[in-house]
Amino acid sequence: MKIALDAVGGDFGLAPNIDGAVQAANAFGVEPVLVGPAGKIAAELSARGVAGDKRFEIVDAPDLITMDEEPAAACRAKPKSSIMVCAELVAAGRAAAMVSAGHSGATMAAVTLWHLKRIPGILRPAIAAPIPTSRGVTILLDAGANVDCKPWHLVQFAMMGSILSRHLYGVPEPTVGLLTIGEEEGKGNDLVKEAFPRLKAAGLNFAGAVEGRDVPAGKTDVVVCDAFVGNVLIKTMEGTAGAIVGLLKSEIMSTWRYRLAGMVLKGALSRVKRRMSYDEYGGAPLVGVNGVVVIGHGSSNARAIAHALKAAKTLADSGMVAALRDAAQKAALEDAVTN
């Protein structure tokens, strides 16, 4: 399956993207369409001994949208940027999905304003971030697209997150939680208080309120909130995990006894680190648009890129977009009958 990859997206440029593409081709059967400066991509493939390999298609995109550019203006000014060309390939059917670790705002703009557009009935597409937990994976949305939300936006996020959980992780009846500051229904700001009864009445598997500490414990399969809260939560969890790993390494290396114990536990510690690593999940799907789009972390390494390509392939195969269209149409019909 052909997946368009923004080959120059991310903090580290071509190298991790090309390495990740090679890994995904070898391990997951992905056929990456490498979008970026054609000459440089060809040189990178040659350096890895895969020049001429028919699994890798190169599509020239000479321009790059940098992180300091305003997203919509940059997309308008640079139609041949790697992000815009990736979105165009998906819209034209030349790729089944796209992956970019570049400017997430520009990816949103390229997809929603120019090429793929919103699914009819979806008010706001959302970034659905996978969070590794002690019970599996929890999907949190919105993680970065919509800072200011209305209660009905959170209801749509819950619907989209439930469909994503079923199609990407195989959860038959995903539970949904509303992120707030207490377990009781009446706690939280106005957005939470107004969203709570709407979620209860939405026909979803709504499990009620979820506090921040419940998210890493995997209390629910889906957690909904506005993007301001979601982005702060995710980055706090990332920072905390990094700090804990650093402290643990420091303590293990502090005495020879601890170093010996560390050697004994090395395998178990490595498995825990892998389970909790963002690299295992690769990226966050942008749900609510007419196509499969996976947004990678700016600091993505090759493993993260490979797994983002894997996730994109899984979603393209799963029929998630069609399921979202059906759900949005059904909700619109129900609203029309009710109102």
Protein backbone atom coordinates (compact mmCIF):
# COMPACT_ATOMS: atom_id res chain seq x y z
CA MET A 1 0.00 0.00 0.00
CA LYS A 2 1.30 3.43 -0.97
CA ILE A 3 1.59 5.90 1.92
CA ALA A 4 2.79 9.46 1.29
CA LEU A 5 5.56 10.49 3.68
CA ASP A 6 6.71 14.05 4.26
CA ALA A 7 10.38 13.12 3.90
CA VAL A 8 11.71 16.42 5.25
CA GLY A 9 9.23 16.86 8.10
CA GLY A 10 10.38 16.92 11.70
CA ASP A 11 13.27 18.30 13.71
CA PHE A 12 15.96 16.13 12.11
CA GLY A 13 15.19 16.33 8.40
CA LEU A 14 15.64 13.54 5.90
CA ALA A 15 17.61 10.89 7.79
CA PRO A 16 15.02 9.55 10.29
CA ASN A 17 12.25 9.77 7.69
CA ILE A 18 14.18 7.74 5.12
CA ASP A 19 15.34 5.24 7.74
CA GLY A 20 11.76 4.90 9.01
CA ALA A 21 10.47 4.42 5.47
CA VAL A 22 12.95 1.61 4.89
CA GLN A 23 11.98 -0.03 8.20
CA ALA A 24 8.27 0.23 7.37
CA ALA A 25 8.79 -1.24 3.90
CA ASN A 26 10.73 -4.18 5.30
CA ALA A 27 8.63 -4.87 8.41
CA PHE A 28 5.09 -3.77 7.57
CA GLY A 29 4.72 -4.03 3.81
CA VAL A 30 4.32 -0.29 3.30
CA GLU A 31 5.25 1.24 -0.07
CA PRO A 32 6.39 4.73 0.93
CA VAL A 33 5.90 7.64 -1.45
CA LEU A 34 8.76 9.90 -0.40
CA VAL A 35 7.82 13.56 -0.83
CA GLY A 36 10.50 16.24 -0.75
CA PRO A 37 13.54 17.40 -2.75
CA ALA A 38 13.94 14.55 -5.23
CA GLY A 39 17.72 14.72 -5.61
CA LYS A 40 18.37 14.62 -1.87
CA ILE A 41 15.92 11.77 -1.33
CA ALA A 42 17.52 9.75 -4.12
CA ALA A 43 20.94 10.28 -2.54
CA GLU A 44 19.65 9.08 0.84
CA LEU A 45 18.16 5.94 -0.72
CA SER A 46 21.40 5.27 -2.56
CA ALA A 47 23.38 5.62 0.67
CA ARG A 48 21.16 2.93 2.21
CA GLY A 49 21.54 0.57 -0.72
CA VAL A 50 17.92 0.73 -1.84
CA ALA A 51 18.26 3.00 -4.88
CA GLY A 52 16.02 1.66 -7.64
CA ASP A 53 13.92 -0.39 -5.21
CA LYS A 54 10.41 -0.22 -6.69
CA ARG A 55 8.83 -0.09 -3.23
CA PHE A 56 10.02 3.52 -2.91
CA GLU A 57 8.50 6.20 -5.10
CA ILE A 58 9.93 9.73 -5.07
CA VAL A 59 7.71 12.76 -5.66
CA ASP A 60 9.53 16.05 -5.93
CA ALA A 61 8.45 18.81 -3.54
CA PRO A 62 11.13 21.51 -3.49
CA ASP A 63 9.60 23.71 -0.78
CA LEU A 64 9.52 23.25 2.98
CA ILE A 65 7.14 24.86 5.49
CA THR A 66 9.16 25.77 8.57
CA MET A 67 7.90 25.79 12.14
CA ASP A 68 7.96 29.59 12.43
CA GLU A 69 5.58 30.13 9.48
CA GLU A 70 1.87 30.86 9.81
CA PRO A 71 0.19 27.63 8.61
CA ALA A 72 -2.49 28.83 6.20
CA ALA A 73 -0.35 31.58 4.70
CA ALA A 74 2.56 29.17 4.22
CA CYS A 75 0.35 26.59 2.50
CA ARG A 76 -1.02 29.24 0.18
CA ALA A 77 2.44 30.57 -0.66
CA LYS A 78 4.06 27.13 -1.03
CA PRO A 79 1.76 24.77 -2.96
CA LYS A 80 4.82 22.65 -3.80
CA SER A 81 5.84 22.19 -0.19
CA SER A 82 6.17 18.61 1.04
CA ILE A 83 3.10 18.83 3.28
CA MET A 84 0.86 20.27 0.55
CA VAL A 85 2.03 17.70 -2.00
CA CYS A 86 1.42 14.82 0.45
CA ALA A 87 -2.16 16.00 1.00
CA GLU A 88 -2.64 16.41 -2.73
CA LEU A 89 -1.47 12.85 -3.38
CA VAL A 90 -4.03 11.46 -0.93
CA ALA A 91 -6.82 13.60 -2.38
CA ALA A 92 -5.95 12.40 -5.88
CA GLY A 93 -5.91 8.74 -4.83
CA ARG A 94 -2.21 8.31 -5.57
CA ALA A 95 -1.59 7.45 -1.91
CA ALA A 96 -3.90 5.76 0.59
CA ALA A 97 -2.76 7.94 3.48
CA MET A 98 -0.15 10.49 4.53
CA VAL A 99 2.31 10.86 7.40
CA SER A 100 4.12 14.04 8.44
CA ALA A 101 6.26 14.90 11.45
CA GLY A 102 6.51 18.48 10.21
CA HIS A 103 4.47 21.57 11.03
CA SER A 104 1.23 20.14 12.48
CA GLY A 105 -0.64 23.40 11.91
CA ALA A 106 0.37 23.38 8.26
CA THR A 107 -0.71 19.75 7.96
CA MET A 108 -4.10 20.72 9.40
CA ALA A 109 -4.39 23.63 6.98
CA ALA A 110 -3.27 21.65 3.92
CA VAL A 111 -5.74 18.89 4.67
CA THR A 112 -8.78 20.84 5.88
CA LEU A 113 -8.57 24.01 3.77
CA TRP A 114 -7.10 22.76 0.47
CA HIS A 115 -7.15 19.09 -0.33
CA LEU A 116 -9.12 16.58 1.75
CA LYS A 117 -11.59 18.85 3.58
CA ARG A 118 -13.83 17.94 6.51
CA ILE A 119 -16.23 15.03 6.42
CA PRO A 120 -19.74 16.50 5.99
CA GLY A 121 -21.30 16.88 9.41
CA ILE A 122 -17.99 16.97 11.28
CA LEU A 123 -17.71 20.38 12.91
CA ARG A 124 -14.03 20.24 13.79
CA PRO A 125 -11.42 17.61 12.95
CA ALA A 126 -9.34 16.59 15.95
CA ILE A 127 -5.87 15.25 16.66
CA ALA A 128 -6.27 11.88 18.40
CA ALA A 129 -3.14 11.11 20.41
CA PRO A 130 -2.45 7.52 21.50
CA ILE A 131 -1.36 7.35 25.13
CA PRO A 132 0.34 4.17 26.37
CA THR A 133 -1.17 3.06 29.68
CA SER A 134 -0.90 0.15 32.09
CA ARG A 135 -3.91 -1.45 30.36
CA GLY A 136 -3.10 -0.76 26.71
CA VAL A 137 -3.68 2.40 24.69
CA THR A 138 -5.98 5.29 25.53
CA ILE A 139 -6.88 7.75 22.77
CA LEU A 140 -7.00 11.38 23.86
CA LEU A 141 -8.65 14.02 21.72
CA ASP A 142 -8.34 16.77 21.06
CA ALA A 143 -4.56 16.89 21.48
CA GLY A 144 -3.75 20.04 19.56
CA ALA A 145 -6.21 21.21 16.92
CA ASN A 146 -9.02 23.00 18.80
CA VAL A 147 -8.07 25.09 21.82
CA ASP A 148 -11.52 26.63 22.29
CA CYS A 149 -14.37 24.13 22.11
CA LYS A 150 -18.11 23.92 22.65
CA PRO A 151 -19.84 21.00 24.39
CA TRP A 152 -21.08 19.50 21.10
CA HIS A 153 -17.52 19.45 19.79
CA LEU A 154 -16.55 17.15 22.67
CA VAL A 155 -19.46 14.85 21.81
CA GLN A 156 -18.16 14.55 18.24
CA PHE A 157 -14.62 13.97 19.55
CA ALA A 158 -16.01 11.10 21.64
CA MET A 159 -17.75 9.60 18.61
CA MET A 160 -14.64 9.91 16.44
CA GLY A 161 -12.36 8.55 19.17
CA SER A 162 -14.62 5.53 19.65
CA ILE A 163 -14.55 4.71 15.94
CA LEU A 164 -10.77 5.16 15.84
CA SER A 165 -10.32 2.87 18.85
CA ARG A 166 -12.34 0.15 17.16
CA HIS A 167 -10.56 0.42 13.82
CA LEU A 168 -6.97 0.96 14.97
CA TYR A 169 -6.81 -1.05 18.21
CA GLY A 170 -9.68 -3.50 17.78
CA VAL A 171 -11.58 -2.45 20.91
CA PRO A 172 -15.16 -3.67 20.29
CA GLU A 173 -16.99 -1.28 22.66
CA PRO A 174 -14.63 1.55 23.63
CA THR A 175 -15.37 3.34 26.88
CA VAL A 176 -15.32 7.15 26.85
CA GLY A 177 -14.28 9.47 29.66
CA LEU A 178 -14.59 13.24 30.01
CA LEU A 179 -11.40 14.79 31.38
CA THR A 180 -12.13 17.02 34.39
CA ILE A 181 -11.04 17.80 37.96
CA GLY A 182 -13.24 15.43 39.94
CA GLU A 183 -15.32 12.27 39.68
CA GLU A 184 -18.67 13.96 40.34
CA GLU A 185 -20.83 15.11 37.46
CA GLY A 186 -21.11 18.70 38.70
CA LYS A 187 -17.37 19.40 38.88
CA GLY A 188 -15.38 21.25 36.24
CA ASN A 189 -15.64 24.38 34.15
CA ASP A 190 -18.68 25.39 32.10
CA LEU A 191 -17.52 23.38 29.09
CA VAL A 192 -17.29 20.17 31.12
CA LYS A 193 -20.57 20.76 32.96
CA GLU A 194 -22.44 21.29 29.70
CA ALA A 195 -20.74 18.43 27.87
CA PHE A 196 -21.43 15.83 30.57
CA PRO A 197 -25.20 15.40 30.00
CA ARG A 198 -24.71 15.56 26.23
CA LEU A 199 -22.21 12.71 26.39
CA LYS A 200 -24.55 10.68 28.60
CA ALA A 201 -27.30 11.05 26.00
CA ALA A 202 -25.12 10.48 22.93
CA GLY A 203 -25.51 6.70 22.72
CA LEU A 204 -21.82 6.12 23.41
CA ASN A 205 -20.25 3.87 26.02
CA PHE A 206 -19.79 6.86 28.33
CA ALA A 207 -18.04 6.02 31.61
CA GLY A 208 -18.25 9.46 33.18
CA ALA A 209 -15.59 11.77 34.54
CA VAL A 210 -11.88 11.01 34.24
CA GLU A 211 -9.21 12.81 36.25
CA GLY A 212 -5.65 13.37 35.06
CA ARG A 213 -4.32 10.52 37.20
CA ASP A 214 -6.80 8.12 35.59
CA VAL A 215 -5.39 8.60 32.08
CA PRO A 216 -2.07 6.74 32.49
CA ALA A 217 -3.97 4.07 34.42
CA GLY A 218 -6.09 3.43 31.32
CA LYS A 219 -9.44 3.98 33.04
CA THR A 220 -11.17 4.49 29.68
CA ASP A 221 -10.30 3.71 26.07
CA VAL A 222 -11.08 7.27 24.91
CA VAL A 223 -10.67 10.57 26.77
CA VAL A 224 -12.12 13.83 25.45
CA CYS A 225 -11.21 17.43 26.27
CA ASP A 226 -10.32 20.67 24.51
CA ALA A 227 -6.89 20.89 22.90
CA PHE A 228 -5.47 23.30 25.48
CA VAL A 229 -6.04 20.81 28.29
CA GLY A 230 -5.14 17.81 26.13
CA ASN A 231 -1.86 19.22 24.90
CA VAL A 232 -0.79 20.25 28.41
CA LEU A 233 -1.64 16.78 29.75
CA ILE A 234 0.29 14.95 27.03
CA LYS A 235 3.40 17.09 27.36
CA THR A 236 3.30 16.82 31.15
CA MET A 237 3.13 13.04 30.86
CA GLU A 238 6.02 13.01 28.38
CA GLY A 239 8.14 15.18 30.65
CA THR A 240 7.31 13.12 33.74
CA ALA A 241 8.15 9.86 31.98
CA GLY A 242 11.48 11.27 30.83
CA ALA A 243 12.30 12.52 34.32
CA ILE A 244 11.48 9.15 35.89
CA VAL A 245 13.67 7.30 33.39
CA GLY A 246 16.52 9.73 34.08
CA LEU A 247 16.20 9.35 37.86
CA LEU A 248 16.04 5.56 37.56
CA LYS A 249 19.19 5.46 35.43
CA SER A 250 20.98 7.75 37.87
CA GLU A 251 20.07 5.56 40.85
CA ILE A 252 20.99 2.32 39.08
CA MET A 253 24.44 3.69 38.24
CA SER A 254 25.05 5.06 41.75
CA THR A 255 26.42 1.84 43.32
CA TRP A 256 27.82 -1.43 42.04
CA ARG A 257 24.97 -3.35 43.74
CA TYR A 258 22.36 -1.33 41.88
CA ARG A 259 24.31 -1.72 38.63
CA LEU A 260 24.28 -5.49 39.12
CA ALA A 261 20.54 -5.43 39.79
CA GLY A 262 20.09 -3.28 36.69
CA MET A 263 21.88 -5.90 34.59
CA VAL A 264 19.57 -8.61 35.96
CA LEU A 265 16.47 -6.50 35.25
CA LYS A 266 17.66 -5.11 31.93
CA GLY A 267 15.27 -7.18 29.85
CA ALA A 268 12.23 -6.31 31.95
CA LEU A 269 13.13 -2.62 32.05
CA SER A 270 13.60 -2.57 28.28
CA ARG A 271 10.18 -4.13 27.76
CA VAL A 272 8.52 -1.58 30.04
CA LYS A 273 10.30 1.26 28.26
CA ARG A 274 9.16 -0.09 24.89
CA ARG A 275 5.55 -0.41 26.04
CA MET A 276 5.52 3.16 27.31
CA SER A 277 7.45 4.66 24.41
CA TYR A 278 5.82 7.07 21.99
CA ASP A 279 7.90 5.47 19.25
CA GLU A 280 5.73 2.36 19.39
CA TYR A 281 2.67 4.33 18.26
CA GLY A 282 4.40 6.73 15.88
CA GLY A 283 1.88 9.48 15.52
CA ALA A 284 -1.56 10.89 16.17
CA PRO A 285 -4.29 10.44 13.55
CA LEU A 286 -6.15 13.56 12.43
CA VAL A 287 -9.77 12.37 12.48
CA GLY A 288 -12.75 13.99 10.84
CA VAL A 289 -11.27 14.58 7.38
CA ASN A 290 -11.80 12.78 4.06
CA GLY A 291 -8.68 10.67 4.25
CA VAL A 292 -6.16 9.07 6.57
CA VAL A 293 -3.66 11.54 8.01
CA VAL A 294 -1.13 10.74 10.74
CA ILE A 295 0.73 13.56 12.45
CA GLY A 296 4.10 12.58 13.93
CA HIS A 297 5.99 14.19 16.79
CA GLY A 298 8.56 16.73 15.64
CA SER A 299 11.31 14.76 17.37
CA SER A 300 10.30 11.46 15.76
CA ASN A 301 13.12 9.00 15.21
CA ALA A 302 13.18 6.30 12.54
CA ARG A 303 11.23 3.83 14.67
CA ALA A 304 8.48 6.37 15.29
CA ILE A 305 8.24 7.15 11.57
CA ALA A 306 8.03 3.45 10.74
CA HIS A 307 5.22 2.92 13.24
CA ALA A 308 3.40 6.02 12.01
CA LEU A 309 3.48 4.53 8.51
CA LYS A 310 2.22 1.24 9.95
CA ALA A 311 -0.67 3.02 11.71
CA ALA A 312 -1.54 4.88 8.51
CA LYS A 313 -1.63 1.60 6.58
CA THR A 314 -3.82 -0.04 9.24
CA LEU A 315 -6.29 2.83 9.20
CA ALA A 316 -6.41 2.98 5.42
CA ASP A 317 -7.17 -0.75 5.36
CA SER A 318 -9.73 -0.55 8.17
CA GLY A 319 -12.46 1.55 6.60
CA MET A 320 -12.31 4.12 9.41
CA VAL A 321 -13.04 7.10 7.16
CA ALA A 322 -16.15 5.43 5.75
CA ALA A 323 -17.29 4.62 9.29
CA LEU A 324 -16.83 8.26 10.30
CA ARG A 325 -18.85 9.39 7.30
CA ASP A 326 -21.67 7.01 8.19
CA ALA A 327 -21.67 8.10 11.84
CA ALA A 328 -21.69 11.80 10.94
CA GLN A 329 -24.55 11.28 8.46
CA LYS A 330 -26.54 9.28 11.01
CA ALA A 331 -26.05 11.97 13.67
CA ALA A 332 -27.14 14.66 11.22
CA LEU A 333 -30.31 12.71 10.38
CA GLU A 334 -31.09 12.18 14.07
CA ASP A 335 -30.62 15.88 14.76
CA ALA A 336 -32.92 16.74 11.85
CA VAL A 337 -35.65 14.45 13.21
CA THR A 338 -35.23 15.71 16.79
CA ASN A 339 -35.22 19.36 15.85
